[in-house]
Amino acid sequence: MTGIVLAVLLFFIPTHAKESPVVHHAQGTFTVDVKPLSPAPAEGLARFSINKQMHGDLEATTVGEMLTGGDPKQGKAGYVAIERVTGTLDGRHGSFALEHMATMDANGPQMTVLVVPGSGTDALQGIAGKFLIHIENGKHSWELDYTLPE
């Protein structure tokens, strides 16, 4: 009897591993417009609008808001932000949100920007990924490693 149960169980266990989604890579440049907003949420914090024009494999505009704290003049500060990206990524039109978290201190800058799970719309529904920002000689560029459902 045990052999029959084992045979039945083995029949229902998939013998192939689930395929990992294909990771796509996109890149480009952007310009950013950051403006102070009032009121500040609390003493020692500042609030800003953050709007971008993105070019390259992602042609889009963004609208977002950033909160900052610390003392950037002394090289010790941090920010969090969230922004809505609307445009076309590698031929797929839609929108998604990006979530930022960054700090800087004596060890240098640390930044993580992720696609917010569940935020994709239209042809970008189900998007997941990590967004990298580069700033060199005052010029902004970006990279996005992302997956989309088939």
N, C-alpha and C. Protein backbone atom coordinates (compact mmCIF):
# COMPACT_ATOMS: atom_id res chain seq x y z
N MET A 1 0.82 -1.20 0.00
CA MET A 1 0.00 0.00 0.00
C MET A 1 0.86 1.25 0.00
N THR A 2 1.94 1.26 0.79
CA THR A 2 2.81 2.43 0.87
C THR A 2 3.42 2.72 -0.50
N GLY A 3 3.77 1.68 -1.23
CA GLY A 3 4.34 1.86 -2.57
C GLY A 3 3.36 2.53 -3.51
N ILE A 4 2.08 2.21 -3.42
CA ILE A 4 1.05 2.81 -4.27
C ILE A 4 0.89 4.29 -3.93
N VAL A 5 0.86 4.62 -2.64
CA VAL A 5 0.74 6.03 -2.22
C VAL A 5 1.94 6.82 -2.71
N LEU A 6 3.14 6.26 -2.56
CA LEU A 6 4.35 6.93 -3.02
C LEU A 6 4.30 7.14 -4.53
N ALA A 7 3.87 6.16 -5.28
CA ALA A 7 3.77 6.29 -6.73
C ALA A 7 2.78 7.37 -7.12
N VAL A 8 1.65 7.45 -6.43
CA VAL A 8 0.64 8.48 -6.70
C VAL A 8 1.21 9.85 -6.39
N LEU A 9 1.89 10.01 -5.25
CA LEU A 9 2.48 11.29 -4.89
C LEU A 9 3.53 11.73 -5.90
N LEU A 10 4.38 10.82 -6.31
CA LEU A 10 5.42 11.15 -7.30
C LEU A 10 4.81 11.58 -8.63
N PHE A 11 3.65 11.03 -8.98
CA PHE A 11 2.99 11.40 -10.22
C PHE A 11 2.60 12.87 -10.22
N PHE A 12 2.20 13.38 -9.04
CA PHE A 12 1.73 14.76 -8.96
C PHE A 12 2.83 15.78 -8.69
N ILE A 13 4.03 15.33 -8.36
CA ILE A 13 5.14 16.26 -8.13
C ILE A 13 5.75 16.60 -9.48
N PRO A 14 5.84 17.91 -9.81
CA PRO A 14 6.42 18.28 -11.10
C PRO A 14 7.89 17.85 -11.18
N THR A 15 8.27 17.33 -12.32
CA THR A 15 9.65 16.87 -12.49
C THR A 15 10.54 17.94 -13.10
N HIS A 16 9.95 19.04 -13.51
CA HIS A 16 10.77 20.12 -14.09
C HIS A 16 10.74 21.32 -13.14
N ALA A 17 11.85 21.99 -13.08
CA ALA A 17 11.94 23.19 -12.23
C ALA A 17 11.23 24.35 -12.92
N LYS A 18 10.66 25.23 -12.11
CA LYS A 18 10.00 26.41 -12.65
C LYS A 18 11.07 27.31 -13.27
N GLU A 19 10.79 27.77 -14.48
CA GLU A 19 11.75 28.61 -15.17
C GLU A 19 11.82 29.99 -14.53
N SER A 20 13.03 30.51 -14.41
CA SER A 20 13.21 31.86 -13.89
C SER A 20 12.81 32.85 -14.98
N PRO A 21 12.21 33.98 -14.58
CA PRO A 21 11.85 34.97 -15.60
C PRO A 21 13.12 35.56 -16.24
N VAL A 22 12.98 35.97 -17.47
CA VAL A 22 14.09 36.58 -18.19
C VAL A 22 14.29 38.00 -17.66
N VAL A 23 15.54 38.32 -17.29
CA VAL A 23 15.87 39.65 -16.81
C VAL A 23 16.27 40.50 -18.01
N HIS A 24 15.57 41.61 -18.19
CA HIS A 24 15.85 42.55 -19.27
C HIS A 24 16.69 43.69 -18.70
N HIS A 25 17.49 44.32 -19.56
CA HIS A 25 18.32 45.45 -19.14
C HIS A 25 17.98 46.64 -20.03
N ALA A 26 17.70 47.76 -19.40
CA ALA A 26 17.42 49.01 -20.13
C ALA A 26 18.30 50.09 -19.54
N GLN A 27 18.58 51.11 -20.34
CA GLN A 27 19.43 52.20 -19.86
C GLN A 27 19.14 53.48 -20.62
N GLY A 28 19.60 54.59 -20.07
CA GLY A 28 19.40 55.87 -20.72
C GLY A 28 19.86 57.01 -19.84
N THR A 29 19.34 58.18 -20.12
CA THR A 29 19.68 59.40 -19.39
C THR A 29 18.41 60.04 -18.87
N PHE A 30 18.57 61.00 -17.97
CA PHE A 30 17.41 61.75 -17.51
C PHE A 30 17.82 63.13 -17.03
N THR A 31 16.85 64.03 -17.05
CA THR A 31 16.98 65.32 -16.41
C THR A 31 16.00 65.33 -15.25
N VAL A 32 16.34 66.08 -14.22
CA VAL A 32 15.50 66.08 -13.02
C VAL A 32 15.24 67.51 -12.57
N ASP A 33 14.02 67.74 -12.12
CA ASP A 33 13.61 69.04 -11.59
C ASP A 33 13.15 68.81 -10.15
N VAL A 34 13.93 69.33 -9.18
CA VAL A 34 13.63 69.16 -7.77
C VAL A 34 13.28 70.53 -7.20
N LYS A 35 12.12 70.61 -6.54
CA LYS A 35 11.67 71.89 -5.96
C LYS A 35 11.20 71.66 -4.53
N PRO A 36 11.55 72.62 -3.62
CA PRO A 36 11.08 72.48 -2.24
C PRO A 36 9.56 72.59 -2.15
N LEU A 37 8.98 71.83 -1.23
CA LEU A 37 7.54 71.87 -0.98
C LEU A 37 7.30 72.27 0.47
N SER A 38 6.21 72.94 0.70
CA SER A 38 5.83 73.33 2.07
C SER A 38 4.46 72.73 2.37
N PRO A 39 4.19 72.41 3.58
CA PRO A 39 5.08 72.53 4.74
C PRO A 39 6.03 71.34 4.83
N ALA A 40 7.14 71.54 5.54
CA ALA A 40 8.02 70.42 5.86
C ALA A 40 7.27 69.49 6.81
N PRO A 41 7.52 68.19 6.76
CA PRO A 41 6.76 67.27 7.62
C PRO A 41 7.10 67.40 9.11
N ALA A 42 8.30 67.85 9.43
CA ALA A 42 8.71 68.01 10.83
C ALA A 42 10.03 68.79 10.85
N GLU A 43 10.36 69.31 12.01
CA GLU A 43 11.63 70.03 12.15
C GLU A 43 12.79 69.09 11.83
N GLY A 44 13.75 69.57 11.04
CA GLY A 44 14.89 68.76 10.66
C GLY A 44 14.68 67.95 9.41
N LEU A 45 13.48 67.97 8.85
CA LEU A 45 13.17 67.26 7.61
C LEU A 45 12.80 68.27 6.54
N ALA A 46 13.00 67.90 5.30
CA ALA A 46 12.59 68.74 4.18
C ALA A 46 11.81 67.90 3.19
N ARG A 47 10.97 68.55 2.42
CA ARG A 47 10.10 67.88 1.46
C ARG A 47 10.29 68.53 0.09
N PHE A 48 10.38 67.71 -0.97
CA PHE A 48 10.63 68.20 -2.32
C PHE A 48 9.75 67.46 -3.34
N SER A 49 9.40 68.17 -4.42
CA SER A 49 8.84 67.48 -5.58
C SER A 49 10.04 67.01 -6.40
N ILE A 50 9.89 65.88 -7.08
CA ILE A 50 10.96 65.34 -7.90
C ILE A 50 10.33 64.83 -9.20
N ASN A 51 10.61 65.54 -10.28
CA ASN A 51 10.02 65.21 -11.58
C ASN A 51 11.14 65.04 -12.60
N LYS A 52 11.03 63.97 -13.39
CA LYS A 52 12.10 63.64 -14.35
C LYS A 52 11.56 63.51 -15.76
N GLN A 53 12.45 63.76 -16.70
CA GLN A 53 12.25 63.42 -18.11
C GLN A 53 13.27 62.34 -18.42
N MET A 54 12.80 61.14 -18.77
CA MET A 54 13.69 60.00 -19.00
C MET A 54 13.78 59.69 -20.48
N HIS A 55 15.00 59.36 -20.90
CA HIS A 55 15.27 59.07 -22.31
C HIS A 55 16.09 57.79 -22.42
N GLY A 56 15.99 57.15 -23.57
CA GLY A 56 16.72 55.91 -23.82
C GLY A 56 15.74 54.78 -24.03
N ASP A 57 16.04 53.62 -23.45
CA ASP A 57 15.15 52.46 -23.57
C ASP A 57 13.83 52.70 -22.86
N LEU A 58 13.80 53.68 -21.96
CA LEU A 58 12.58 54.13 -21.29
C LEU A 58 12.37 55.60 -21.64
N GLU A 59 11.32 55.88 -22.38
CA GLU A 59 10.94 57.27 -22.70
C GLU A 59 9.75 57.58 -21.81
N ALA A 60 9.97 58.43 -20.80
CA ALA A 60 8.92 58.60 -19.80
C ALA A 60 9.07 59.92 -19.05
N THR A 61 8.02 60.23 -18.31
CA THR A 61 8.07 61.33 -17.35
C THR A 61 7.77 60.72 -15.99
N THR A 62 8.26 61.39 -14.95
CA THR A 62 7.97 60.93 -13.60
C THR A 62 7.45 62.09 -12.77
N VAL A 63 6.64 61.75 -11.80
CA VAL A 63 6.14 62.71 -10.82
C VAL A 63 6.30 62.05 -9.46
N GLY A 64 6.96 62.75 -8.53
CA GLY A 64 7.19 62.13 -7.24
C GLY A 64 7.42 63.13 -6.13
N GLU A 65 7.66 62.56 -4.96
CA GLU A 65 7.92 63.38 -3.78
C GLU A 65 9.03 62.73 -2.96
N MET A 66 9.88 63.61 -2.38
CA MET A 66 11.04 63.15 -1.63
C MET A 66 11.04 63.81 -0.25
N LEU A 67 11.42 63.04 0.77
CA LEU A 67 11.64 63.56 2.11
C LEU A 67 13.12 63.37 2.45
N THR A 68 13.74 64.42 3.01
CA THR A 68 15.16 64.35 3.34
C THR A 68 15.38 64.69 4.81
N GLY A 69 16.49 64.21 5.33
CA GLY A 69 16.91 64.53 6.68
C GLY A 69 18.42 64.49 6.77
N GLY A 70 18.96 65.04 7.85
CA GLY A 70 20.40 65.05 8.02
C GLY A 70 21.00 66.37 7.57
N ASP A 71 22.31 66.36 7.38
CA ASP A 71 23.05 67.57 6.99
C ASP A 71 23.93 67.28 5.77
N PRO A 72 23.38 67.46 4.56
CA PRO A 72 24.16 67.14 3.36
C PRO A 72 25.44 67.97 3.24
N LYS A 73 25.48 69.19 3.80
CA LYS A 73 26.70 70.01 3.74
C LYS A 73 27.84 69.34 4.49
N GLN A 74 27.51 68.55 5.53
CA GLN A 74 28.53 67.81 6.28
C GLN A 74 28.70 66.39 5.74
N GLY A 75 27.97 66.06 4.68
CA GLY A 75 28.09 64.74 4.07
C GLY A 75 27.40 63.63 4.83
N LYS A 76 26.40 64.00 5.65
CA LYS A 76 25.65 63.02 6.43
C LYS A 76 24.17 63.30 6.27
N ALA A 77 23.50 62.50 5.44
CA ALA A 77 22.09 62.76 5.15
C ALA A 77 21.46 61.52 4.55
N GLY A 78 20.16 61.61 4.37
CA GLY A 78 19.44 60.53 3.73
C GLY A 78 18.15 61.04 3.13
N TYR A 79 17.59 60.23 2.24
CA TYR A 79 16.29 60.57 1.67
C TYR A 79 15.51 59.32 1.36
N VAL A 80 14.21 59.48 1.32
CA VAL A 80 13.30 58.48 0.79
C VAL A 80 12.43 59.20 -0.22
N ALA A 81 12.01 58.48 -1.23
CA ALA A 81 11.16 59.09 -2.26
C ALA A 81 10.33 58.01 -2.92
N ILE A 82 9.25 58.46 -3.51
CA ILE A 82 8.45 57.58 -4.35
C ILE A 82 8.02 58.40 -5.55
N GLU A 83 8.08 57.78 -6.72
CA GLU A 83 7.70 58.50 -7.94
C GLU A 83 6.97 57.57 -8.89
N ARG A 84 6.05 58.14 -9.65
CA ARG A 84 5.28 57.42 -10.65
C ARG A 84 5.93 57.65 -12.00
N VAL A 85 6.28 56.59 -12.70
CA VAL A 85 6.92 56.64 -14.02
C VAL A 85 5.85 56.28 -15.04
N THR A 86 5.65 57.14 -16.05
CA THR A 86 4.66 56.88 -17.09
C THR A 86 5.31 57.06 -18.45
N GLY A 87 5.26 56.02 -19.27
CA GLY A 87 5.86 56.11 -20.59
C GLY A 87 5.96 54.77 -21.27
N THR A 88 7.01 54.62 -22.09
CA THR A 88 7.20 53.42 -22.88
C THR A 88 8.57 52.82 -22.59
N LEU A 89 8.58 51.57 -22.14
CA LEU A 89 9.80 50.83 -21.82
C LEU A 89 9.97 49.73 -22.86
N ASP A 90 11.01 49.84 -23.67
CA ASP A 90 11.27 48.85 -24.72
C ASP A 90 10.02 48.49 -25.50
N GLY A 91 9.24 49.52 -25.90
CA GLY A 91 8.06 49.33 -26.73
C GLY A 91 6.78 49.01 -25.98
N ARG A 92 6.83 48.89 -24.66
CA ARG A 92 5.64 48.59 -23.85
C ARG A 92 5.21 49.85 -23.11
N HIS A 93 3.97 50.28 -23.32
CA HIS A 93 3.48 51.50 -22.67
C HIS A 93 2.74 51.18 -21.38
N GLY A 94 2.97 52.01 -20.38
CA GLY A 94 2.29 51.86 -19.10
C GLY A 94 2.96 52.72 -18.05
N SER A 95 2.72 52.35 -16.80
CA SER A 95 3.34 53.10 -15.71
C SER A 95 3.70 52.13 -14.58
N PHE A 96 4.56 52.61 -13.70
CA PHE A 96 4.95 51.87 -12.50
C PHE A 96 5.54 52.87 -11.53
N ALA A 97 5.68 52.45 -10.27
CA ALA A 97 6.24 53.32 -9.24
C ALA A 97 7.65 52.86 -8.88
N LEU A 98 8.49 53.84 -8.54
CA LEU A 98 9.83 53.58 -8.03
C LEU A 98 9.90 54.05 -6.58
N GLU A 99 10.54 53.25 -5.75
CA GLU A 99 10.73 53.56 -4.34
C GLU A 99 12.23 53.76 -4.10
N HIS A 100 12.60 54.92 -3.56
CA HIS A 100 14.01 55.26 -3.31
C HIS A 100 14.31 55.23 -1.82
N MET A 101 15.53 54.80 -1.47
CA MET A 101 16.06 54.95 -0.13
C MET A 101 17.56 55.16 -0.27
N ALA A 102 18.07 56.27 0.27
CA ALA A 102 19.48 56.56 0.11
C ALA A 102 20.04 57.24 1.35
N THR A 103 21.32 56.98 1.61
CA THR A 103 22.04 57.65 2.68
C THR A 103 23.43 58.00 2.19
N MET A 104 24.04 58.95 2.90
CA MET A 104 25.46 59.23 2.66
C MET A 104 26.08 59.55 4.01
N ASP A 105 27.32 59.06 4.19
CA ASP A 105 28.08 59.32 5.40
C ASP A 105 29.56 59.12 5.07
N ALA A 106 30.39 58.97 6.09
CA ALA A 106 31.84 58.82 5.87
C ALA A 106 32.17 57.60 5.01
N ASN A 107 31.28 56.61 4.97
CA ASN A 107 31.50 55.42 4.16
C ASN A 107 31.08 55.60 2.71
N GLY A 108 30.52 56.77 2.36
CA GLY A 108 30.09 57.04 1.00
C GLY A 108 28.59 56.90 0.84
N PRO A 109 28.11 57.11 -0.37
CA PRO A 109 26.66 57.02 -0.61
C PRO A 109 26.20 55.57 -0.77
N GLN A 110 24.99 55.32 -0.31
CA GLN A 110 24.31 54.04 -0.48
C GLN A 110 22.92 54.34 -1.01
N MET A 111 22.53 53.72 -2.11
CA MET A 111 21.21 53.99 -2.68
C MET A 111 20.58 52.70 -3.19
N THR A 112 19.30 52.55 -2.89
CA THR A 112 18.51 51.46 -3.43
C THR A 112 17.24 52.06 -4.03
N VAL A 113 16.98 51.71 -5.28
CA VAL A 113 15.75 52.15 -5.94
C VAL A 113 15.12 50.90 -6.56
N LEU A 114 13.90 50.60 -6.13
CA LEU A 114 13.21 49.38 -6.57
C LEU A 114 11.88 49.72 -7.23
N VAL A 115 11.47 48.88 -8.17
CA VAL A 115 10.13 48.97 -8.72
C VAL A 115 9.17 48.47 -7.63
N VAL A 116 8.15 49.24 -7.33
CA VAL A 116 7.19 48.87 -6.28
C VAL A 116 6.34 47.70 -6.77
N PRO A 117 6.34 46.60 -6.03
CA PRO A 117 5.53 45.45 -6.44
C PRO A 117 4.05 45.83 -6.59
N GLY A 118 3.44 45.34 -7.66
CA GLY A 118 2.01 45.58 -7.89
C GLY A 118 1.69 46.94 -8.47
N SER A 119 2.71 47.76 -8.79
CA SER A 119 2.45 49.12 -9.28
C SER A 119 2.35 49.23 -10.80
N GLY A 120 2.72 48.19 -11.54
CA GLY A 120 2.70 48.26 -13.00
C GLY A 120 1.29 48.29 -13.57
N THR A 121 1.13 49.07 -14.64
CA THR A 121 -0.17 49.15 -15.32
C THR A 121 0.01 48.85 -16.81
N ASP A 122 -1.11 48.58 -17.47
CA ASP A 122 -1.16 48.35 -18.92
C ASP A 122 -0.12 47.31 -19.33
N ALA A 123 0.71 47.58 -20.32
CA ALA A 123 1.68 46.59 -20.81
C ALA A 123 2.85 46.40 -19.85
N LEU A 124 2.90 47.18 -18.77
CA LEU A 124 3.95 47.03 -17.76
C LEU A 124 3.41 46.38 -16.48
N GLN A 125 2.21 45.83 -16.55
CA GLN A 125 1.63 45.15 -15.39
C GLN A 125 2.50 43.95 -15.02
N GLY A 126 2.82 43.82 -13.74
CA GLY A 126 3.65 42.72 -13.26
C GLY A 126 5.14 43.00 -13.29
N ILE A 127 5.54 44.21 -13.67
CA ILE A 127 6.96 44.55 -13.72
C ILE A 127 7.58 44.47 -12.33
N ALA A 128 8.82 44.00 -12.29
CA ALA A 128 9.63 43.96 -11.06
C ALA A 128 11.04 44.33 -11.46
N GLY A 129 11.78 44.95 -10.56
CA GLY A 129 13.15 45.24 -10.91
C GLY A 129 13.86 46.20 -9.99
N LYS A 130 15.11 46.47 -10.35
CA LYS A 130 15.98 47.36 -9.61
C LYS A 130 16.48 48.45 -10.55
N PHE A 131 16.43 49.68 -10.08
CA PHE A 131 16.79 50.86 -10.85
C PHE A 131 18.08 51.44 -10.28
N LEU A 132 19.05 51.74 -11.12
CA LEU A 132 20.31 52.34 -10.68
C LEU A 132 20.44 53.74 -11.25
N ILE A 133 20.88 54.67 -10.43
CA ILE A 133 21.10 56.06 -10.85
C ILE A 133 22.59 56.34 -10.81
N HIS A 134 23.11 56.94 -11.87
CA HIS A 134 24.51 57.35 -11.95
C HIS A 134 24.56 58.85 -12.18
N ILE A 135 25.46 59.54 -11.48
CA ILE A 135 25.67 60.97 -11.70
C ILE A 135 27.17 61.18 -11.90
N GLU A 136 27.53 61.62 -13.10
CA GLU A 136 28.93 61.88 -13.42
C GLU A 136 29.03 63.22 -14.15
N ASN A 137 29.89 64.09 -13.64
CA ASN A 137 30.09 65.42 -14.24
C ASN A 137 28.77 66.16 -14.42
N GLY A 138 27.88 66.03 -13.44
CA GLY A 138 26.60 66.74 -13.48
C GLY A 138 25.56 66.13 -14.40
N LYS A 139 25.89 65.03 -15.07
CA LYS A 139 24.95 64.35 -15.98
C LYS A 139 24.37 63.13 -15.29
N HIS A 140 23.05 62.94 -15.48
CA HIS A 140 22.35 61.81 -14.86
C HIS A 140 22.08 60.72 -15.89
N SER A 141 22.38 59.48 -15.51
CA SER A 141 22.01 58.34 -16.34
C SER A 141 21.40 57.27 -15.44
N TRP A 142 20.78 56.29 -16.06
CA TRP A 142 20.07 55.25 -15.30
C TRP A 142 20.24 53.91 -15.98
N GLU A 143 20.04 52.86 -15.18
CA GLU A 143 19.97 51.48 -15.66
C GLU A 143 18.81 50.82 -14.94
N LEU A 144 18.12 49.95 -15.62
CA LEU A 144 17.01 49.21 -15.04
C LEU A 144 17.12 47.75 -15.43
N ASP A 145 17.27 46.89 -14.43
CA ASP A 145 17.19 45.44 -14.65
C ASP A 145 15.80 45.03 -14.18
N TYR A 146 15.01 44.45 -15.10
CA TYR A 146 13.62 44.18 -14.78
C TYR A 146 13.13 42.89 -15.40
N THR A 147 12.03 42.40 -14.84
CA THR A 147 11.33 41.25 -15.40
C THR A 147 9.88 41.65 -15.64
N LEU A 148 9.28 40.99 -16.59
CA LEU A 148 7.85 41.14 -16.90
C LEU A 148 7.26 39.76 -17.14
N PRO A 149 6.02 39.56 -16.75
CA PRO A 149 5.40 38.26 -17.04
C PRO A 149 5.34 38.03 -18.54
N GLU A 150 5.41 36.77 -18.93
CA GLU A 150 5.34 36.43 -20.38
C GLU A 150 3.99 36.73 -20.94
